[in-house]
Amino acid sequence: MPEKTLQPRRTRARLIIVTGLLLAVAAVALLRPHILGPGDDRVAGPAENAVTTAPDDEQRTEDPAPDPFRRADGSAAYRPAVHLTPEQRWMNDPQRPFFLDGQWHYYYLYNADYPEGNGTEWYHVTSTDLVHWVDQGVAIGKYQNGLGDIWTGTAVVDQHDTAGFGAGAVVALVTQQVDGVQRQSLFVSRDGGFTFESFEGNPVMDNPGVDAWRDPRVIWDDARDQWVMALAEGDRIGFYTSANLRDWTYASDFSAPGLGVLECPDLFPMAVDGNQEDVRWVLLTGANGAADGMTTGTAYWTGTWDGQSFAPDDERHQWLDRGPDYYAAVTWSDPRLTPQEQLAGRYSIGWLNNWAYAGSLPTEEWHGGSASVVRELSLRGTEDGPMLTSMPVDSLAGLEGPAQRAPAVSLDAGGSTTLGTPAADAYRLRVVASAPEPDAELRLRIEHEDGTFSTVGYDFAAGQAFVARDADAAAAQMPPTYQEISTADVAPVDGQVELDVVVDVASVEAFVNQGQAALSMLSYGDSRPSTPVAYAERGTVELREISVTPLRVAEPTRTG
């Protein structure tokens, strides 16, 4: 099929813009729901069946209470309402959370010296619901033991004192880098993960003479009574075992050529469709997706683990998220659940950013993008084998306000309709659509008052969901990679496609058909609330269910 493009034929776009300027002053209010953004080559149709909500002026007071769905006055233009960001400086890779003393402990890589100085360390936040976060400060500082700064790794709760630091001690295995050499070091916390000390025997794994040797992911293999480490080693994942978290023995490796330098691996078991008699192991890693028409992303295989090596069901990899901005993902289970429940589902969080433009984002108070919303994973059986599905964590629903629902509507080719006016900085857009004409395409545009927009859509002819931001406020200043359209093959179910989209100030995360596909991307526009508008491209599209649900602001609590 020809390459999909949402970019304009520039000559026509310029004629539209010039003509529109003559009427702009008088018509801007009327055009707002269908304002032409840069990169659009068609004229929006009338706003049939538009859903609107008029402000209730009578309920206003001279000193109104803060709006729970709007960020505080003075917030940075692109500060998310429901996504985790640092107060300042720089963030990147997430570290796998653990649950201890009634709360989740989560770390991410942080550079307090950005942009003047280099080096990352572990910044600590806590949560009770994986939605609201509390800053706890730096837990593992950089350049403190002579082995360099602190990169990605894993913190585990050593319940049985295998490492000799006491039952319940938190032990972190992390990569440190100095003079270009990557080694694995151990840090221990005796206060529940708030502060760590460097182990006097560091590094516990010295570099064997390779360039890329990093990101240890450590799990407890209960069936074999051992610790297992997956380590990124160039185009392969190395596996190591240990009885005490200090002494590690090489077991095997898994080669994945064609995916560039691998990073941030993960290894875990899951039951297919919750069936405890059909448990597969999943090997997951950050990878380069150029061969698959992607940028970077999170690839995975399902297979078996015998305590020493991983054998894939299929040599072909799959992608956890087909958007441009879901990288360095980690997964984890909830220890409060039964072993059977832990096999049926687990959580995931990723870095919403991409190294192709990570230092070029139009933020000022902080840099490095944000964390994604936490997701719930399951392993679903398909004709092509087991497949991971992902959906926003259930507790995100705790932020939801009253939903705006609209009646079903049929859009002829070229038609459009405004789906709601959420009047919130973040919201959840849910649409169920079908197409009586096989060539139809649905575009859901997240439109901003400055004329910029991003797009989530579904091409019924190609059987593809897609996201694009070639018309957002940052596109013209970003590398070409930023403007590329991302697609995911996903077939309709009973002739229908379900789109569940989490929209925040500077990001869009789309989930298709209950998580069969996910596409995540940063996207920038006017900092005022956006408006979702549906367009029927080519054929007729039927919108069977429509809802727009505002999300309450859940910015991190800063402890100073």
Protein backbone atom coordinates (compact mmCIF):
# COMPACT_ATOMS: atom_id res chain seq x y z
CA MET A 1 0.00 0.00 0.00
CA PRO A 2 1.24 3.58 -0.55
CA GLU A 3 2.86 5.23 2.43
CA LYS A 4 0.35 6.99 4.65
CA THR A 5 0.96 10.70 5.10
CA LEU A 6 -0.84 13.39 7.01
CA GLN A 7 1.39 16.13 5.63
CA PRO A 8 -0.10 18.67 3.20
CA ARG A 9 0.29 19.42 -0.42
CA ARG A 10 1.92 22.74 0.46
CA THR A 11 0.53 24.80 -2.44
CA ARG A 12 -3.05 24.07 -1.51
CA ALA A 13 -2.39 24.57 2.20
CA ARG A 14 -0.90 28.03 1.55
CA LEU A 15 -3.94 29.07 -0.53
CA ILE A 16 -6.20 28.01 2.33
CA ILE A 17 -4.14 29.93 4.87
CA VAL A 18 -3.99 33.11 2.78
CA THR A 19 -7.72 33.00 2.11
CA GLY A 20 -8.47 32.30 5.75
CA LEU A 21 -6.51 35.33 6.95
CA LEU A 22 -9.02 37.65 5.28
CA LEU A 23 -11.79 36.33 7.51
CA ALA A 24 -9.80 35.34 10.60
CA VAL A 25 -10.76 38.18 12.94
CA ALA A 26 -14.48 37.77 12.37
CA ALA A 27 -14.64 34.00 12.17
CA VAL A 28 -12.09 32.64 14.63
CA ALA A 29 -14.67 31.75 17.28
CA LEU A 30 -16.81 29.87 14.77
CA LEU A 31 -13.88 27.99 13.28
CA ARG A 32 -12.36 26.84 16.56
CA PRO A 33 -13.68 23.24 16.53
CA HIS A 34 -12.37 22.74 12.97
CA ILE A 35 -9.43 25.10 12.75
CA LEU A 36 -6.87 24.12 10.12
CA GLY A 37 -3.53 23.17 11.61
CA PRO A 38 -0.20 23.09 9.83
CA GLY A 39 0.09 19.92 7.81
CA ASP A 40 -3.58 19.47 6.87
CA ASP A 41 -4.54 19.27 3.20
CA ARG A 42 -8.30 19.18 3.49
CA VAL A 43 -11.00 21.59 4.63
CA ALA A 44 -12.85 20.46 7.72
CA GLY A 45 -16.55 19.92 7.25
CA PRO A 46 -19.34 21.38 9.37
CA ALA A 47 -19.52 20.30 12.97
CA GLU A 48 -22.60 18.12 12.66
CA ASN A 49 -23.72 16.47 15.88
CA ALA A 50 -21.15 18.41 17.90
CA VAL A 51 -21.21 17.77 21.63
CA THR A 52 -20.80 20.96 23.65
CA THR A 53 -20.96 21.88 27.29
CA ALA A 54 -21.65 25.51 28.12
CA PRO A 55 -19.97 26.97 31.20
CA ASP A 56 -22.23 27.34 34.17
CA ASP A 57 -21.73 31.05 34.92
CA GLU A 58 -24.36 31.02 37.64
CA GLN A 59 -22.26 28.69 39.79
CA ARG A 60 -19.18 30.91 39.74
CA THR A 61 -18.17 32.70 42.91
CA GLU A 62 -15.80 35.56 43.51
CA ASP A 63 -13.29 33.14 45.06
CA PRO A 64 -13.87 29.80 43.31
CA ALA A 65 -12.28 26.62 44.57
CA PRO A 66 -9.42 25.29 42.45
CA ASP A 67 -10.60 23.29 39.46
CA PRO A 68 -9.48 19.69 40.11
CA PHE A 69 -9.28 19.06 36.35
CA ARG A 70 -6.97 22.00 35.61
CA ARG A 71 -3.36 22.48 36.61
CA ALA A 72 -2.54 25.32 38.96
CA ASP A 73 -2.05 28.80 37.57
CA GLY A 74 1.57 29.31 36.63
CA SER A 75 2.22 25.67 35.70
CA ALA A 76 4.81 25.19 32.98
CA ALA A 77 3.25 25.18 29.52
CA TYR A 78 3.87 21.48 28.91
CA ARG A 79 3.85 20.11 32.46
CA PRO A 80 1.63 16.96 32.36
CA ALA A 81 -1.47 16.70 34.51
CA VAL A 82 -1.37 12.93 35.12
CA HIS A 83 2.12 11.81 34.00
CA LEU A 84 5.17 11.72 36.26
CA THR A 85 7.91 14.30 35.67
CA PRO A 86 10.78 15.60 37.82
CA GLU A 87 10.47 19.07 39.31
CA GLN A 88 13.52 20.19 37.35
CA ARG A 89 16.57 19.06 35.36
CA TRP A 90 16.46 15.66 33.58
CA MET A 91 14.80 12.23 33.70
CA ASN A 92 15.08 9.03 31.64
CA ASP A 93 14.97 5.24 32.23
CA PRO A 94 12.44 3.86 34.74
CA GLN A 95 13.56 1.25 37.28
CA ARG A 96 11.31 -1.64 38.28
CA PRO A 97 9.17 -0.73 41.31
CA PHE A 98 8.80 -2.92 44.38
CA PHE A 99 6.16 -2.94 47.13
CA LEU A 100 7.30 -2.51 50.75
CA ASP A 101 5.74 -1.13 53.94
CA GLY A 102 2.42 -0.32 52.28
CA GLN A 103 3.69 1.59 49.27
CA TRP A 104 5.30 1.26 45.88
CA HIS A 105 8.91 2.40 45.56
CA TYR A 106 9.87 3.56 42.09
CA TYR A 107 13.15 5.03 40.82
CA TYR A 108 14.09 6.72 37.58
CA LEU A 109 17.38 7.96 36.17
CA TYR A 110 17.89 11.62 37.02
CA ASN A 111 20.59 14.17 36.22
CA ALA A 112 20.63 17.00 38.76
CA ASP A 113 23.37 18.78 36.76
CA TYR A 114 21.63 18.89 33.37
CA PRO A 115 22.51 20.58 31.05
CA GLU A 116 25.84 21.76 32.50
CA GLY A 117 27.05 18.39 33.79
CA ASN A 118 26.76 14.70 32.91
CA GLY A 119 25.87 11.58 34.81
CA THR A 120 22.69 10.03 36.16
CA GLU A 121 21.61 8.75 39.57
CA TRP A 122 18.50 7.12 40.99
CA TYR A 123 15.66 9.45 41.96
CA HIS A 124 13.05 7.96 44.31
CA VAL A 125 9.26 8.42 44.31
CA THR A 126 6.59 6.48 46.18
CA SER A 127 2.91 5.73 45.59
CA THR A 128 0.05 3.76 47.05
CA ASP A 129 -1.98 3.51 43.82
CA LEU A 130 0.55 3.84 40.93
CA VAL A 131 -1.19 7.09 39.92
CA HIS A 132 -0.30 9.62 42.64
CA TRP A 133 3.43 10.00 43.34
CA VAL A 134 5.44 11.57 46.17
CA ASP A 135 9.00 12.83 45.61
CA GLN A 136 11.53 11.30 48.01
CA GLY A 137 14.75 12.69 46.56
CA VAL A 138 17.90 11.01 45.28
CA ALA A 139 18.37 7.50 46.67
CA ILE A 140 21.62 6.46 44.96
CA GLY A 141 23.93 9.35 44.15
CA LYS A 142 26.42 9.44 41.31
CA TYR A 143 30.22 9.64 41.52
CA GLN A 144 30.38 8.51 45.16
CA ASN A 145 32.40 5.29 45.07
CA GLY A 146 34.95 5.91 42.33
CA LEU A 147 33.13 3.77 39.77
CA GLY A 148 31.21 6.54 38.02
CA ASP A 149 27.57 7.48 37.69
CA ILE A 150 24.52 5.28 38.21
CA TRP A 151 22.70 3.70 35.28
CA THR A 152 19.79 1.29 35.00
CA GLY A 153 19.50 -1.78 37.22
CA THR A 154 17.13 -3.52 39.62
CA ALA A 155 16.21 -3.14 43.28
CA VAL A 156 14.87 -6.25 45.05
CA VAL A 157 13.63 -6.91 48.57
CA ASP A 158 15.81 -9.71 49.94
CA GLN A 159 13.17 -11.29 52.17
CA HIS A 160 15.26 -14.36 53.03
CA ASP A 161 18.59 -12.59 53.61
CA THR A 162 20.33 -14.38 50.77
CA ALA A 163 22.88 -11.53 50.48
CA GLY A 164 23.67 -11.33 54.20
CA PHE A 165 22.52 -7.75 54.78
CA GLY A 166 19.52 -8.77 56.87
CA ALA A 167 16.08 -10.08 56.01
CA GLY A 168 14.06 -7.43 54.21
CA ALA A 169 17.06 -5.37 53.10
CA VAL A 170 16.64 -3.70 49.72
CA VAL A 171 19.49 -4.66 47.39
CA ALA A 172 20.12 -2.83 44.13
CA LEU A 173 22.25 -4.18 41.28
CA VAL A 174 23.09 -1.32 38.91
CA THR A 175 25.42 -0.49 36.06
CA GLN A 176 28.16 2.03 36.78
CA GLN A 177 30.27 3.58 34.05
CA VAL A 178 33.61 5.29 34.30
CA ASP A 179 36.12 6.03 31.52
CA GLY A 180 33.81 4.24 29.09
CA VAL A 181 33.85 0.95 31.01
CA GLN A 182 30.55 -0.49 32.26
CA ARG A 183 30.47 -2.64 35.39
CA GLN A 184 27.78 -4.00 37.72
CA SER A 185 27.75 -2.75 41.32
CA LEU A 186 25.69 -3.57 44.41
CA PHE A 187 24.09 -1.06 46.75
CA VAL A 188 22.15 -1.88 49.90
CA SER A 189 19.38 -0.03 51.74
CA ARG A 190 18.46 -0.77 55.33
CA ASP A 191 15.77 1.91 55.59
CA GLY A 192 13.28 0.51 53.10
CA GLY A 193 14.76 1.92 49.91
CA PHE A 194 15.12 5.59 50.85
CA THR A 195 18.94 5.65 51.07
CA PHE A 196 21.58 3.22 49.78
CA GLU A 197 25.20 2.46 50.61
CA SER A 198 27.79 1.20 48.16
CA PHE A 199 28.94 -2.38 48.83
CA GLU A 200 32.61 -2.45 49.77
CA GLY A 201 33.23 -5.30 47.31
CA ASN A 202 32.11 -3.32 44.23
CA PRO A 203 32.07 -3.97 41.40
CA VAL A 204 30.46 -7.36 41.93
CA MET A 205 30.74 -8.04 38.17
CA ASP A 206 33.75 -6.60 36.36
CA ASN A 207 33.65 -5.89 32.64
CA PRO A 208 34.90 -8.84 30.55
CA GLY A 209 36.18 -6.52 27.82
CA VAL A 210 33.05 -5.53 25.89
CA ASP A 211 31.65 -2.09 25.09
CA ALA A 212 27.94 -2.58 25.88
CA TRP A 213 27.45 -4.53 29.13
CA ARG A 214 24.67 -3.02 31.16
CA ASP A 215 21.18 -2.76 32.67
CA PRO A 216 20.96 -5.81 34.97
CA ARG A 217 17.39 -7.04 35.46
CA VAL A 218 17.23 -9.36 38.47
CA ILE A 219 14.41 -11.76 39.39
CA TRP A 220 13.96 -14.55 41.91
CA ASP A 221 13.45 -17.92 40.19
CA ASP A 222 11.35 -19.58 42.85
CA ALA A 223 11.16 -22.96 41.12
CA ARG A 224 14.96 -23.28 41.19
CA ASP A 225 15.75 -21.32 44.34
CA GLN A 226 18.11 -18.87 42.63
CA TRP A 227 18.51 -15.31 41.53
CA VAL A 228 18.58 -14.73 37.76
CA MET A 229 20.04 -11.71 35.98
CA ALA A 230 19.35 -10.67 32.38
CA LEU A 231 22.08 -8.33 31.13
CA ALA A 232 22.17 -6.31 27.88
CA GLU A 233 25.33 -7.22 25.97
CA GLY A 234 25.24 -5.51 22.57
CA ASP A 235 23.00 -7.53 20.24
CA ARG A 236 22.37 -10.25 22.82
CA ILE A 237 21.02 -10.78 26.32
CA GLY A 238 23.28 -12.61 28.75
CA PHE A 239 21.85 -14.71 31.61
CA TYR A 240 23.58 -15.14 34.97
CA THR A 241 22.59 -16.94 38.18
CA SER A 242 23.42 -16.34 41.83
CA ALA A 243 22.57 -17.66 45.28
CA ASN A 244 23.45 -14.46 47.13
CA LEU A 245 23.20 -11.42 44.77
CA ARG A 246 26.98 -10.93 45.12
CA ASP A 247 28.54 -13.79 43.16
CA TRP A 248 27.25 -14.32 39.63
CA THR A 249 27.82 -17.23 37.23
CA TYR A 250 27.33 -16.98 33.48
CA ALA A 251 24.62 -19.37 32.24
CA SER A 252 23.84 -18.60 28.58
CA ASP A 253 22.83 -15.87 26.17
CA PHE A 254 20.10 -15.07 23.68
CA SER A 255 21.09 -13.44 20.40
CA ALA A 256 18.84 -10.89 18.69
CA PRO A 257 20.60 -9.56 15.56
CA GLY A 258 18.97 -6.79 13.57
CA LEU A 259 17.68 -4.87 16.59
CA GLY A 260 20.73 -2.73 17.26
CA VAL A 261 22.26 -2.37 20.71
CA LEU A 262 19.82 -3.89 23.19
CA GLU A 263 19.04 -2.19 26.51
CA CYS A 264 16.93 -2.65 29.63
CA PRO A 265 16.05 -6.38 29.35
CA ASP A 266 13.38 -8.13 31.38
CA LEU A 267 12.44 -11.78 31.97
CA PHE A 268 9.23 -12.99 33.59
CA PRO A 269 6.59 -15.77 33.47
CA MET A 270 2.94 -15.25 32.51
CA ALA A 271 -0.05 -17.56 32.10
CA VAL A 272 -1.72 -17.47 28.68
CA ASP A 273 -5.27 -16.19 29.16
CA GLY A 274 -4.78 -16.80 32.88
CA ASN A 275 -4.46 -20.57 32.32
CA GLN A 276 -2.09 -21.89 34.99
CA GLU A 277 -1.45 -24.96 32.84
CA ASP A 278 -0.07 -22.82 30.02
CA VAL A 279 2.70 -20.63 31.44
CA ARG A 280 5.14 -18.97 29.07
CA TRP A 281 8.23 -16.91 29.83
CA VAL A 282 8.56 -13.48 28.25
CA LEU A 283 11.91 -11.93 27.32
CA LEU A 284 11.61 -8.19 26.76
CA THR A 285 14.19 -5.56 25.77
CA GLY A 286 14.65 -2.05 24.50
CA ALA A 287 15.59 -2.24 20.82
CA ASN A 288 16.00 -0.37 17.54
CA GLY A 289 12.97 -0.90 15.32
CA ALA A 290 14.32 0.53 12.05
CA ALA A 291 13.96 -2.80 10.26
CA ASP A 292 10.26 -2.80 11.18
CA GLY A 293 9.62 0.80 10.13
CA MET A 294 9.86 2.05 13.71
CA THR A 295 12.29 4.14 15.73
CA THR A 296 13.23 2.64 19.09
CA GLY A 297 10.82 0.61 21.17
CA THR A 298 10.29 -2.38 23.43
CA ALA A 299 10.55 -5.79 21.71
CA TYR A 300 9.68 -9.16 23.23
CA TRP A 301 9.56 -12.90 22.66
CA THR A 302 7.57 -15.61 24.42
CA GLY A 303 9.18 -18.96 25.15
CA THR A 304 10.51 -21.26 27.85
CA TRP A 305 13.05 -20.86 30.64
CA ASP A 306 14.82 -23.92 32.11
CA GLY A 307 16.82 -22.11 34.77
CA GLN A 308 19.82 -21.63 32.48
CA SER A 309 18.58 -20.49 29.06
CA PHE A 310 15.64 -18.96 27.23
CA ALA A 311 14.19 -20.70 24.14
CA PRO A 312 11.75 -18.59 22.08
CA ASP A 313 8.50 -19.96 20.69
CA ASP A 314 9.27 -18.05 17.50
CA GLU A 315 12.44 -16.27 16.39
CA ARG A 316 10.33 -13.32 15.29
CA HIS A 317 9.94 -10.57 17.87
CA GLN A 318 6.84 -8.58 18.75
CA TRP A 319 6.49 -5.00 20.03
CA LEU A 320 4.91 -4.01 23.32
CA ASP A 321 4.04 -0.56 21.95
CA ARG A 322 4.14 0.56 18.30
CA GLY A 323 4.38 4.29 18.99
CA PRO A 324 7.65 6.26 18.88
CA ASP A 325 7.89 6.98 22.61
CA TYR A 326 7.70 3.90 24.80
CA TYR A 327 11.24 2.89 25.70
CA ALA A 328 13.24 1.29 28.52
CA ALA A 329 10.05 -0.35 29.82
CA VAL A 330 10.01 -2.33 33.06
CA THR A 331 7.44 -4.82 34.33
CA TRP A 332 6.57 -6.11 37.78
CA SER A 333 3.97 -8.06 39.72
CA ASP A 334 2.06 -7.27 42.89
CA PRO A 335 3.38 -9.41 45.79
CA ARG A 336 0.06 -9.01 47.62
CA LEU A 337 -1.62 -11.23 45.01
CA THR A 338 -1.59 -15.01 44.99
CA PRO A 339 1.03 -16.71 42.78
CA GLN A 340 -1.75 -17.61 40.34
CA GLU A 341 -2.96 -14.02 40.16
CA GLN A 342 0.58 -12.77 39.61
CA LEU A 343 0.93 -15.05 36.60
CA ALA A 344 -2.31 -13.74 35.11
CA GLY A 345 -1.26 -10.10 34.97
CA ARG A 346 1.50 -7.62 35.81
CA TYR A 347 2.28 -3.93 35.51
CA SER A 348 4.49 -1.97 33.13
CA ILE A 349 5.80 1.58 32.83
CA GLY A 350 8.00 3.10 30.12
CA TRP A 351 9.93 6.25 29.32
CA LEU A 352 7.86 8.57 27.10
CA ASN A 353 10.71 9.86 24.98
CA ASN A 354 13.08 8.91 22.20
CA TRP A 355 16.86 9.39 22.03
CA ALA A 356 16.47 10.78 18.48
CA TYR A 357 15.14 14.03 19.94
CA ALA A 358 15.27 13.61 23.72
CA GLY A 359 17.31 16.78 24.23
CA SER A 360 15.23 18.89 21.83
CA LEU A 361 11.81 18.87 23.49
CA PRO A 362 10.24 22.31 24.05
CA THR A 363 10.15 22.10 27.84
CA GLU A 364 11.91 24.59 30.10
CA GLU A 365 11.37 23.70 33.78
CA TRP A 366 12.62 20.13 33.25
CA HIS A 367 13.83 17.92 30.40
CA GLY A 368 13.63 14.31 29.31
CA GLY A 369 9.91 13.85 28.70
CA SER A 370 7.88 11.89 31.26
CA ALA A 371 6.99 8.44 32.47
CA SER A 372 4.04 6.76 30.79
CA VAL A 373 0.91 5.93 32.71
CA VAL A 374 1.27 2.59 34.46
CA ARG A 375 -0.25 -0.22 32.43
CA GLU A 376 -1.63 -3.66 33.19
CA LEU A 377 -0.28 -6.48 31.02
CA SER A 378 -1.81 -9.82 30.18
CA LEU A 379 -0.73 -12.61 27.84
CA ARG A 380 -3.42 -13.45 25.34
CA GLY A 381 -3.50 -16.52 23.11
CA THR A 382 -3.92 -15.83 19.38
CA GLU A 383 -3.72 -17.81 16.14
CA ASP A 384 -0.16 -16.52 15.77
CA GLY A 385 0.86 -17.42 19.31
CA PRO A 386 0.82 -15.64 22.68
CA MET A 387 0.70 -11.83 22.57
CA LEU A 388 1.08 -9.25 25.34
CA THR A 389 -1.80 -6.82 25.72
CA SER A 390 -1.65 -3.61 27.73
CA MET A 391 -4.23 -1.20 29.12
CA PRO A 392 -4.04 1.72 31.57
CA VAL A 393 -3.94 0.60 35.19
CA ASP A 394 -7.40 0.28 36.74
CA SER A 395 -6.59 2.85 39.42
CA LEU A 396 -6.39 5.56 36.74
CA ALA A 397 -10.20 5.45 36.81
CA GLY A 398 -9.99 7.07 40.24
CA LEU A 399 -9.09 10.32 38.47
CA GLU A 400 -12.13 10.25 36.22
CA GLY A 401 -14.86 12.86 36.44
CA PRO A 402 -18.31 12.70 34.86
CA ALA A 403 -18.13 11.38 31.33
CA GLN A 404 -19.60 13.27 28.39
CA ARG A 405 -21.38 10.76 26.17
CA ALA A 406 -22.65 11.41 22.68
CA PRO A 407 -25.21 9.50 20.60
CA ALA A 408 -24.04 7.27 17.77
CA VAL A 409 -23.39 9.13 14.54
CA SER A 410 -22.57 8.26 10.94
CA LEU A 411 -20.01 10.44 9.17
CA ASP A 412 -19.91 10.54 5.40
CA ALA A 413 -16.54 10.89 3.69
CA GLY A 414 -15.24 14.37 4.47
CA GLY A 415 -17.59 14.80 7.44
CA SER A 416 -16.57 15.59 10.98
CA THR A 417 -17.96 16.03 14.46
CA THR A 418 -16.64 17.43 17.71
CA LEU A 419 -16.66 14.65 20.28
CA GLY A 420 -16.80 16.73 23.44
CA THR A 421 -15.42 19.71 25.31
CA PRO A 422 -13.65 18.16 28.29
CA ALA A 423 -12.40 21.48 29.79
CA ALA A 424 -9.65 19.45 31.46
CA ASP A 425 -5.90 19.34 30.98
CA ALA A 426 -6.04 15.55 30.69
CA TYR A 427 -8.87 13.30 29.63
CA ARG A 428 -9.75 9.86 28.34
CA LEU A 429 -11.36 9.55 24.92
CA ARG A 430 -13.17 6.30 24.09
CA VAL A 431 -14.63 5.59 20.65
CA VAL A 432 -16.07 2.43 19.11
CA ALA A 433 -16.25 2.69 15.32
CA SER A 434 -17.10 0.61 12.27
CA ALA A 435 -16.99 1.23 8.54
CA PRO A 436 -19.67 0.01 6.08
CA GLU A 437 -17.30 0.98 3.28
CA PRO A 438 -14.02 -1.00 3.28
CA ASP A 439 -11.87 1.95 2.16
CA ALA A 440 -12.83 4.16 5.11
CA GLU A 441 -10.46 5.80 7.56
CA LEU A 442 -11.21 7.40 10.92
CA ARG A 443 -9.08 10.23 12.26
CA LEU A 444 -9.43 11.47 15.83
CA ARG A 445 -7.66 14.80 15.99
CA ILE A 446 -6.62 16.30 19.31
CA GLU A 447 -7.00 19.96 18.35
CA HIS A 448 -5.52 22.97 20.13
CA GLU A 449 -6.62 26.59 20.04
CA ASP A 450 -3.42 27.61 18.27
CA GLY A 451 -4.34 25.42 15.30
CA THR A 452 -1.92 22.60 16.04
CA PHE A 453 -3.08 19.02 16.50
CA SER A 454 -2.06 15.39 16.80
CA THR A 455 -3.94 12.43 15.37
CA VAL A 456 -5.03 8.97 16.45
CA GLY A 457 -6.70 6.98 13.71
CA TYR A 458 -7.72 3.71 12.17
CA ASP A 459 -7.40 2.73 8.51
CA PHE A 460 -10.08 0.09 7.84
CA ALA A 461 -8.64 -0.73 4.40
CA ALA A 462 -5.18 -1.49 5.78
CA GLY A 463 -6.31 -2.92 9.12
CA GLN A 464 -3.99 -0.48 10.90
CA ALA A 465 -4.22 1.87 13.84
CA PHE A 466 -1.92 4.88 13.65
CA VAL A 467 -0.73 7.99 15.49
CA ALA A 468 0.81 11.14 14.01
CA ARG A 469 2.05 14.49 15.27
CA ASP A 470 3.34 16.08 12.07
CA ALA A 471 1.03 19.02 12.77
CA ASP A 472 1.78 19.61 16.45
CA ALA A 473 3.53 22.71 17.78
CA ALA A 474 6.99 21.12 17.95
CA ALA A 475 7.07 19.25 14.63
CA ALA A 476 8.65 21.97 12.51
CA GLN A 477 11.62 22.32 14.89
CA MET A 478 12.16 18.58 15.43
CA PRO A 479 14.14 15.95 13.48
CA PRO A 480 12.26 14.17 10.65
CA THR A 481 11.90 11.11 12.90
CA TYR A 482 9.52 13.09 15.09
CA GLN A 483 7.13 13.67 12.19
CA GLU A 484 6.89 10.06 11.02
CA ILE A 485 3.56 8.27 11.32
CA SER A 486 3.51 5.16 13.55
CA THR A 487 1.24 2.23 12.72
CA ALA A 488 0.11 -1.04 14.30
CA ASP A 489 -1.56 -3.95 12.53
CA VAL A 490 -4.72 -4.82 14.42
CA ALA A 491 -7.87 -6.28 12.93
CA PRO A 492 -11.41 -5.17 13.81
CA VAL A 493 -13.34 -7.35 16.23
CA ASP A 494 -16.82 -8.22 14.95
CA GLY A 495 -16.42 -5.43 12.43
CA GLN A 496 -15.62 -2.81 15.06
CA VAL A 497 -12.52 -1.12 16.38
CA GLU A 498 -12.28 0.30 19.89
CA LEU A 499 -9.94 3.22 20.59
CA ASP A 500 -9.17 4.17 24.19
CA VAL A 501 -6.94 7.26 24.27
CA VAL A 502 -5.31 8.93 27.28
CA VAL A 503 -4.68 12.57 26.35
CA ASP A 504 -2.42 14.76 28.52
CA VAL A 505 -0.89 18.19 28.02
CA ALA A 506 2.10 16.85 26.07
CA SER A 507 1.36 13.21 25.28
CA VAL A 508 -1.11 10.80 23.71
CA GLU A 509 -1.32 7.10 24.61
CA ALA A 510 -3.70 5.07 22.44
CA PHE A 511 -4.92 1.54 23.21
CA VAL A 512 -6.73 -0.44 20.50
CA ASN A 513 -9.23 -3.26 20.99
CA GLN A 514 -8.68 -3.72 24.70
CA GLY A 515 -4.92 -3.51 24.44
CA GLN A 516 -4.24 -5.65 21.37
CA ALA A 517 -2.12 -2.71 20.24
CA ALA A 518 -0.73 0.35 21.99
CA LEU A 519 0.77 3.47 20.41
CA SER A 520 2.35 6.14 22.60
CA MET A 521 3.83 9.50 21.67
CA LEU A 522 4.78 12.85 23.08
CA SER A 523 2.87 15.69 21.43
CA TYR A 524 2.85 19.43 21.98
CA GLY A 525 0.31 22.15 21.34
CA ASP A 526 -1.46 25.02 23.03
CA SER A 527 -1.27 24.56 26.80
CA ARG A 528 -5.00 25.17 27.13
CA PRO A 529 -7.36 22.15 27.08
CA SER A 530 -7.58 20.44 23.70
CA THR A 531 -10.71 19.40 21.82
CA PRO A 532 -11.17 15.94 20.24
CA VAL A 533 -12.71 16.03 16.75
CA ALA A 534 -13.54 12.99 14.57
CA TYR A 535 -13.05 13.06 10.79
CA ALA A 536 -14.18 10.49 8.22
CA GLU A 537 -11.46 10.20 5.61
CA ARG A 538 -12.44 8.57 2.28
CA GLY A 539 -15.44 6.35 3.16
CA THR A 540 -18.31 6.48 5.63
CA VAL A 541 -17.46 5.86 9.28
CA GLU A 542 -19.99 4.98 11.97
CA LEU A 543 -19.21 6.08 15.52
CA ARG A 544 -21.20 3.66 17.64
CA GLU A 545 -20.00 4.72 21.11
CA ILE A 546 -18.42 8.02 22.14
CA SER A 547 -17.30 9.24 25.54
CA VAL A 548 -14.93 11.93 26.76
CA THR A 549 -13.98 11.69 30.43
CA PRO A 550 -11.98 14.42 32.22
CA LEU A 551 -9.14 13.30 34.49
CA ARG A 552 -8.33 15.04 37.75
CA VAL A 553 -4.86 16.49 38.02
CA ALA A 554 -2.39 14.13 39.72
CA GLU A 555 0.88 16.00 39.73
CA PRO A 556 3.59 14.61 42.04
CA THR A 557 3.72 15.81 45.62
CA ARG A 558 7.01 17.64 46.06
CA THR A 559 8.52 17.18 49.51
CA GLY A 560 11.09 19.94 49.12
